[in-house]
Amino acid sequence: MSFENLKRNRDQISKLVQAAEQAGGGTTEKKSYADERIWKPTVDKAGNGYAVLRFLPAAEGQDLPWVRYWDHGFKGPTGQWYIENSLTSIGQPDPVGELNSRLWNSGVDADKETARAQKRRLHYVTNVLVVSDPSAPHNEGKVMLYKFGKKIFDKLMDVMQPSFADETPVNPFDMWEGADFKLKIRNVEGYRNYDKSEFASSSPLMEGDDSKLESVFNSLHDLSEFNDPKNYKSYDELKAKLMRVLGEQEQMGAPTMAQESMMNEPVATPMPTPVQEPITADTMDGDDTMSYFAKLANED
């Protein structure tokens, strides 16, 4: 291009932007880092939500239809957040767990409160078929991963081990004799509540059509990644982050009891971790708490 043509045609912003977007480098492109395999319930402005799920069996080569893991989510005195999976999920020592144990046994009430605020949270992950999702109908008919907490897991156990003699045990993960799960979410004192969620009567999935059921079975996601050590940060990485969040690297005066606990902590062999978080644990479930704390961290 000659200088004269350059001068006449210098207004090329739209052309440049279009070329960048086509090449994948446009700043207007919004990338999603959400795991598309994971199903999350949608609630309305009042905090209410409804969906029907079918819990699915273990995939080939897996012993159980679910996995569980723990994580921590709390804000330190530095204003920084600690949101990490706990190594206890894979049977290894975790720096937050060890610190909390010492704080709890210190005999000081303030230390117990700190330990409570930093305690680990339990999560379960399983495969589900989304039978009905009125707020996101594009999910219906898909096999997805569902993360949930103790409240939902207790409901699973209740149908497998009923409390009364006139109730028949049901395997909710069975595709022929299981039952649809009606997830009902309410807003109770500002938190999601799942108490009204319930199982329908036992019935075959897909009306028992083996060809359809086989297709569902072949679509199951591998759950092993949630307990795979390679997906966890090492003990030393977690400890270093914990110290930053607690501000121990910047303290100039006498160490607090929590700091002394961390400084006197024996050096552990590095070990590698998946995710969790606090709030009112009894009223929040599964991924809700993690989302809550991640949101707060992003707002700071």
Protein backbone atom coordinates (compact mmCIF):
# COMPACT_ATOMS: atom_id res chain seq x y z
CA MET A 1 0.00 0.00 0.00
CA SER A 2 1.36 3.40 -0.99
CA PHE A 3 1.56 6.24 1.49
CA GLU A 4 -1.30 8.05 -0.24
CA ASN A 5 -3.54 4.98 -0.04
CA LEU A 6 -2.57 4.50 3.59
CA LYS A 7 -3.58 8.09 4.33
CA ARG A 8 -6.91 7.75 2.51
CA ASN A 9 -7.79 4.37 4.03
CA ARG A 10 -6.44 4.80 7.55
CA ASP A 11 -9.88 4.31 9.17
CA GLN A 12 -9.67 0.52 9.38
CA ILE A 13 -10.75 -0.11 12.97
CA SER A 14 -13.73 -2.30 12.07
CA LYS A 15 -11.60 -4.32 9.67
CA LEU A 16 -8.91 -4.85 12.29
CA VAL A 17 -11.40 -5.80 14.99
CA GLN A 18 -13.12 -8.26 12.67
CA ALA A 19 -9.79 -9.86 11.74
CA ALA A 20 -8.81 -10.14 15.40
CA GLU A 21 -12.11 -11.74 16.34
CA GLN A 22 -11.84 -14.24 13.50
CA ALA A 23 -8.36 -15.13 14.74
CA GLY A 24 -9.67 -15.56 18.26
CA GLY A 25 -7.86 -12.55 19.68
CA GLY A 26 -10.63 -9.98 19.86
CA THR A 27 -11.07 -8.26 23.19
CA THR A 28 -14.83 -8.39 22.73
CA GLU A 29 -14.81 -12.17 22.82
CA LYS A 30 -16.05 -13.47 26.14
CA LYS A 31 -14.53 -16.78 27.11
CA SER A 32 -16.29 -19.01 29.59
CA TYR A 33 -14.18 -21.01 32.00
CA ALA A 34 -17.19 -22.83 33.45
CA ASP A 35 -17.19 -26.60 33.21
CA GLU A 36 -19.92 -27.33 30.68
CA ARG A 37 -20.36 -30.82 32.12
CA ILE A 38 -21.61 -29.52 35.46
CA TRP A 39 -25.29 -28.87 35.97
CA LYS A 40 -26.29 -26.07 38.33
CA PRO A 41 -29.83 -25.20 39.38
CA THR A 42 -31.26 -21.82 38.44
CA VAL A 43 -33.33 -19.78 40.86
CA ASP A 44 -35.67 -16.86 40.27
CA LYS A 45 -35.48 -13.42 41.88
CA ALA A 46 -37.20 -14.77 44.97
CA GLY A 47 -34.54 -17.47 45.30
CA ASN A 48 -36.85 -20.34 44.32
CA GLY A 49 -35.95 -23.06 41.85
CA TYR A 50 -37.22 -26.39 40.54
CA ALA A 51 -35.82 -29.22 38.45
CA VAL A 52 -36.20 -32.97 38.05
CA LEU A 53 -33.06 -35.10 38.03
CA ARG A 54 -32.36 -38.80 37.75
CA PHE A 55 -29.31 -40.01 39.62
CA LEU A 56 -27.30 -42.42 37.48
CA PRO A 57 -25.24 -45.53 38.28
CA ALA A 58 -21.48 -45.87 38.49
CA ALA A 59 -19.65 -45.83 35.19
CA GLU A 60 -17.77 -48.89 34.05
CA GLY A 61 -14.66 -49.40 36.16
CA GLN A 62 -15.93 -47.29 39.08
CA ASP A 63 -17.12 -48.77 42.37
CA LEU A 64 -19.53 -46.05 43.48
CA PRO A 65 -21.87 -43.71 41.58
CA TRP A 66 -20.48 -40.73 43.50
CA VAL A 67 -17.23 -39.27 44.78
CA ARG A 68 -16.76 -36.89 47.67
CA TYR A 69 -14.18 -34.25 48.48
CA TRP A 70 -13.61 -31.41 50.93
CA ASP A 71 -12.44 -27.83 50.54
CA HIS A 72 -11.93 -24.63 52.51
CA GLY A 73 -13.12 -21.09 51.81
CA PHE A 74 -12.38 -18.20 54.14
CA LYS A 75 -11.03 -14.67 54.23
CA GLY A 76 -7.83 -14.01 56.17
CA PRO A 77 -6.84 -10.93 58.19
CA THR A 78 -4.96 -9.69 55.10
CA GLY A 79 -8.24 -9.39 53.19
CA GLN A 80 -7.11 -12.19 50.87
CA TRP A 81 -9.19 -15.32 50.32
CA TYR A 82 -8.19 -18.93 50.77
CA ILE A 83 -10.39 -21.05 48.51
CA GLU A 84 -8.76 -24.42 47.95
CA ASN A 85 -9.52 -28.12 47.96
CA SER A 86 -8.40 -30.06 51.01
CA LEU A 87 -5.78 -32.76 50.75
CA THR A 88 -7.79 -34.78 53.25
CA SER A 89 -9.98 -35.61 50.22
CA ILE A 90 -7.25 -37.96 49.06
CA GLY A 91 -6.15 -39.14 52.49
CA GLN A 92 -3.22 -36.77 52.90
CA PRO A 93 -2.36 -34.16 55.57
CA ASP A 94 -3.69 -30.68 54.86
CA PRO A 95 -2.17 -27.49 56.35
CA VAL A 96 -5.52 -25.86 57.14
CA GLY A 97 -6.81 -29.02 58.77
CA GLU A 98 -3.69 -29.28 60.92
CA LEU A 99 -3.86 -25.63 61.93
CA ASN A 100 -7.56 -25.91 62.77
CA SER A 101 -6.89 -28.94 64.93
CA ARG A 102 -4.33 -27.05 66.99
CA LEU A 103 -6.57 -23.99 67.26
CA TRP A 104 -9.50 -26.10 68.40
CA ASN A 105 -7.43 -27.81 71.09
CA SER A 106 -5.76 -24.62 72.35
CA GLY A 107 -8.41 -24.04 75.00
CA VAL A 108 -8.99 -20.48 73.74
CA ASP A 109 -12.55 -19.64 72.63
CA ALA A 110 -11.32 -17.16 69.99
CA ASP A 111 -9.19 -19.91 68.44
CA LYS A 112 -12.22 -22.21 68.26
CA GLU A 113 -14.17 -19.52 66.42
CA THR A 114 -11.30 -19.14 63.95
CA ALA A 115 -11.23 -22.90 63.41
CA ARG A 116 -14.99 -22.90 62.79
CA ALA A 117 -14.67 -20.15 60.18
CA GLN A 118 -11.89 -22.08 58.43
CA LYS A 119 -13.39 -25.56 58.64
CA ARG A 120 -13.58 -27.82 55.63
CA ARG A 121 -16.81 -28.36 53.70
CA LEU A 122 -18.06 -31.59 52.19
CA HIS A 123 -19.05 -32.01 48.54
CA TYR A 124 -20.36 -34.92 46.51
CA VAL A 125 -20.28 -35.32 42.71
CA THR A 126 -22.38 -37.73 40.68
CA ASN A 127 -23.82 -38.20 37.21
CA VAL A 128 -27.42 -37.18 36.63
CA LEU A 129 -29.82 -37.13 33.73
CA VAL A 130 -31.58 -33.77 33.61
CA VAL A 131 -35.21 -34.79 33.17
CA SER A 132 -36.73 -31.33 33.54
CA ASP A 133 -35.11 -27.93 33.91
CA PRO A 134 -37.74 -25.25 33.25
CA SER A 135 -35.26 -22.38 33.72
CA ALA A 136 -32.72 -23.90 31.32
CA PRO A 137 -34.57 -26.32 29.00
CA HIS A 138 -31.47 -26.76 26.83
CA ASN A 139 -30.10 -28.99 29.61
CA GLU A 140 -32.99 -31.44 29.44
CA GLY A 141 -32.05 -34.92 28.25
CA LYS A 142 -28.36 -34.40 28.96
CA VAL A 143 -26.12 -36.49 31.20
CA MET A 144 -24.30 -34.00 33.42
CA LEU A 145 -22.30 -33.82 36.62
CA TYR A 146 -24.09 -32.58 39.72
CA LYS A 147 -22.25 -31.26 42.77
CA PHE A 148 -24.15 -31.25 46.04
CA GLY A 149 -23.67 -31.34 49.79
CA LYS A 150 -24.81 -33.25 52.84
CA LYS A 151 -28.46 -32.17 52.64
CA ILE A 152 -29.01 -33.83 49.28
CA PHE A 153 -26.86 -36.82 50.18
CA ASP A 154 -28.99 -37.39 53.29
CA LYS A 155 -32.06 -37.58 51.06
CA LEU A 156 -30.31 -40.23 48.96
CA MET A 157 -29.54 -42.22 52.10
CA ASP A 158 -33.11 -41.81 53.36
CA VAL A 159 -34.56 -43.66 50.35
CA MET A 160 -31.86 -46.33 50.46
CA GLN A 161 -32.31 -46.82 54.22
CA PRO A 162 -35.86 -45.80 55.08
CA SER A 163 -36.72 -45.20 58.73
CA PHE A 164 -40.13 -46.89 58.80
CA ALA A 165 -41.27 -50.48 58.29
CA ASP A 166 -43.87 -49.55 55.66
CA GLU A 167 -41.23 -47.93 53.40
CA THR A 168 -39.46 -49.97 50.73
CA PRO A 169 -35.75 -49.27 50.15
CA VAL A 170 -35.03 -47.74 46.74
CA ASN A 171 -31.72 -47.53 44.93
CA PRO A 172 -31.98 -43.99 43.48
CA PHE A 173 -29.06 -44.73 41.13
CA ASP A 174 -30.81 -47.67 39.46
CA MET A 175 -32.05 -46.95 35.94
CA TRP A 176 -34.87 -49.51 36.12
CA GLU A 177 -36.06 -49.36 39.74
CA GLY A 178 -34.83 -45.93 40.80
CA ALA A 179 -36.85 -42.74 41.03
CA ASP A 180 -36.85 -39.19 39.71
CA PHE A 181 -35.61 -36.59 42.18
CA LYS A 182 -37.63 -33.39 42.41
CA LEU A 183 -35.19 -30.69 43.44
CA LYS A 184 -37.05 -27.85 45.17
CA ILE A 185 -35.07 -24.80 46.23
CA ARG A 186 -36.36 -22.09 48.55
CA ASN A 187 -34.80 -18.96 49.96
CA VAL A 188 -34.72 -19.30 53.76
CA GLU A 189 -33.19 -16.38 55.64
CA GLY A 190 -31.05 -15.48 52.65
CA TYR A 191 -29.72 -18.97 51.92
CA ARG A 192 -30.75 -21.79 49.63
CA ASN A 193 -32.78 -24.47 51.35
CA TYR A 194 -33.46 -27.95 49.94
CA ASP A 195 -35.71 -29.41 52.64
CA LYS A 196 -38.75 -29.78 50.36
CA SER A 197 -36.83 -31.75 47.72
CA GLU A 198 -38.13 -35.30 47.36
CA PHE A 199 -38.10 -38.49 45.31
CA ALA A 200 -41.04 -39.48 43.16
CA SER A 201 -42.35 -43.05 43.08
CA SER A 202 -40.03 -45.71 41.71
CA SER A 203 -40.16 -45.98 37.91
CA PRO A 204 -37.90 -47.07 35.04
CA LEU A 205 -35.91 -44.36 33.32
CA MET A 206 -36.73 -43.84 29.63
CA GLU A 207 -39.68 -46.23 30.16
CA GLY A 208 -37.12 -49.04 30.44
CA ASP A 209 -36.02 -48.79 26.79
CA ASP A 210 -32.69 -50.62 26.88
CA SER A 211 -31.29 -48.94 23.78
CA LYS A 212 -31.90 -45.50 25.29
CA LEU A 213 -30.60 -46.57 28.69
CA GLU A 214 -27.44 -47.93 27.12
CA SER A 215 -26.92 -44.57 25.40
CA VAL A 216 -27.27 -42.84 28.78
CA PHE A 217 -24.84 -45.30 30.37
CA ASN A 218 -22.28 -44.69 27.64
CA SER A 219 -22.56 -40.94 28.28
CA LEU A 220 -21.53 -41.15 31.94
CA HIS A 221 -18.66 -38.88 32.96
CA ASP A 222 -15.57 -40.23 34.68
CA LEU A 223 -15.62 -39.16 38.35
CA SER A 224 -12.08 -40.22 39.18
CA GLU A 225 -10.62 -36.80 38.42
CA PHE A 226 -12.12 -35.40 41.62
CA ASN A 227 -9.99 -37.73 43.71
CA ASP A 228 -6.93 -37.81 41.47
CA PRO A 229 -3.84 -36.54 43.37
CA LYS A 230 -2.51 -34.85 40.22
CA ASN A 231 -5.47 -32.45 40.36
CA TYR A 232 -4.57 -31.26 43.87
CA LYS A 233 -2.04 -28.66 44.90
CA SER A 234 0.85 -29.88 47.00
CA TYR A 235 1.04 -29.51 50.77
CA ASP A 236 3.80 -26.92 50.42
CA GLU A 237 1.83 -24.89 47.87
CA LEU A 238 -1.22 -24.83 50.11
CA LYS A 239 0.81 -23.96 53.19
CA ALA A 240 2.53 -21.09 51.38
CA LYS A 241 -0.83 -19.70 50.28
CA LEU A 242 -2.27 -20.13 53.76
CA MET A 243 0.63 -18.14 55.23
CA ARG A 244 0.06 -15.35 52.70
CA VAL A 245 -3.66 -15.23 53.49
CA LEU A 246 -2.92 -15.14 57.24
CA GLY A 247 -0.28 -12.46 56.68
CA GLU A 248 2.45 -14.39 58.46
CA GLN A 249 5.14 -13.31 56.03
CA GLU A 250 4.55 -9.67 56.89
CA GLN A 251 4.18 -9.86 60.66
CA MET A 252 6.90 -7.91 62.50
CA GLY A 253 5.69 -8.16 66.10
CA ALA A 254 5.18 -11.10 68.41
CA PRO A 255 3.49 -14.02 66.64
CA THR A 256 -0.09 -14.91 67.44
CA MET A 257 -1.06 -18.37 68.60
CA ALA A 258 -2.16 -19.25 65.07
CA GLN A 259 1.17 -18.06 63.68
CA GLU A 260 3.12 -20.01 66.28
CA SER A 261 1.14 -23.09 65.33
CA MET A 262 2.06 -22.69 61.69
CA MET A 263 5.70 -21.85 62.40
CA ASN A 264 6.11 -24.90 64.62
CA GLU A 265 4.39 -27.14 62.14
CA PRO A 266 6.55 -30.08 61.02
CA VAL A 267 7.63 -30.05 57.40
CA ALA A 268 5.56 -32.52 55.39
CA THR A 269 6.38 -34.27 52.19
CA PRO A 270 4.88 -32.34 49.29
CA MET A 271 1.67 -33.91 48.11
CA PRO A 272 -0.75 -32.94 45.50
CA THR A 273 -5.93 -31.62 45.32
CA PRO A 274 -10.22 -30.71 43.73
CA VAL A 275 -13.15 -27.82 45.70
CA GLN A 276 -15.42 -26.35 48.90
CA GLU A 277 -16.42 -23.41 51.23
CA PRO A 278 -18.30 -22.09 54.33
CA ILE A 279 -21.28 -20.00 55.27
CA THR A 280 -24.24 -21.39 57.15
CA ALA A 281 -23.35 -24.89 56.07
CA ASP A 282 -26.72 -26.34 57.01
CA THR A 283 -28.62 -24.03 54.70
CA MET A 284 -26.29 -24.06 51.71
CA ASP A 285 -25.46 -27.12 49.68
CA GLY A 286 -22.84 -28.40 47.31
CA ASP A 287 -21.44 -25.93 44.85
CA ASP A 288 -23.56 -23.06 46.20
CA THR A 289 -21.13 -22.25 48.98
CA MET A 290 -18.09 -22.31 46.72
CA SER A 291 -19.80 -20.02 44.27
CA TYR A 292 -20.70 -17.69 47.11
CA PHE A 293 -17.14 -17.34 48.37
CA ALA A 294 -15.63 -17.12 44.89
CA LYS A 295 -18.08 -14.27 44.19
CA LEU A 296 -17.02 -12.44 47.34
CA ALA A 297 -13.37 -12.90 46.49
CA ASN A 298 -13.91 -11.44 43.02
CA GLU A 299 -15.73 -8.45 44.48
CA ASP A 300 -12.83 -7.51 46.77
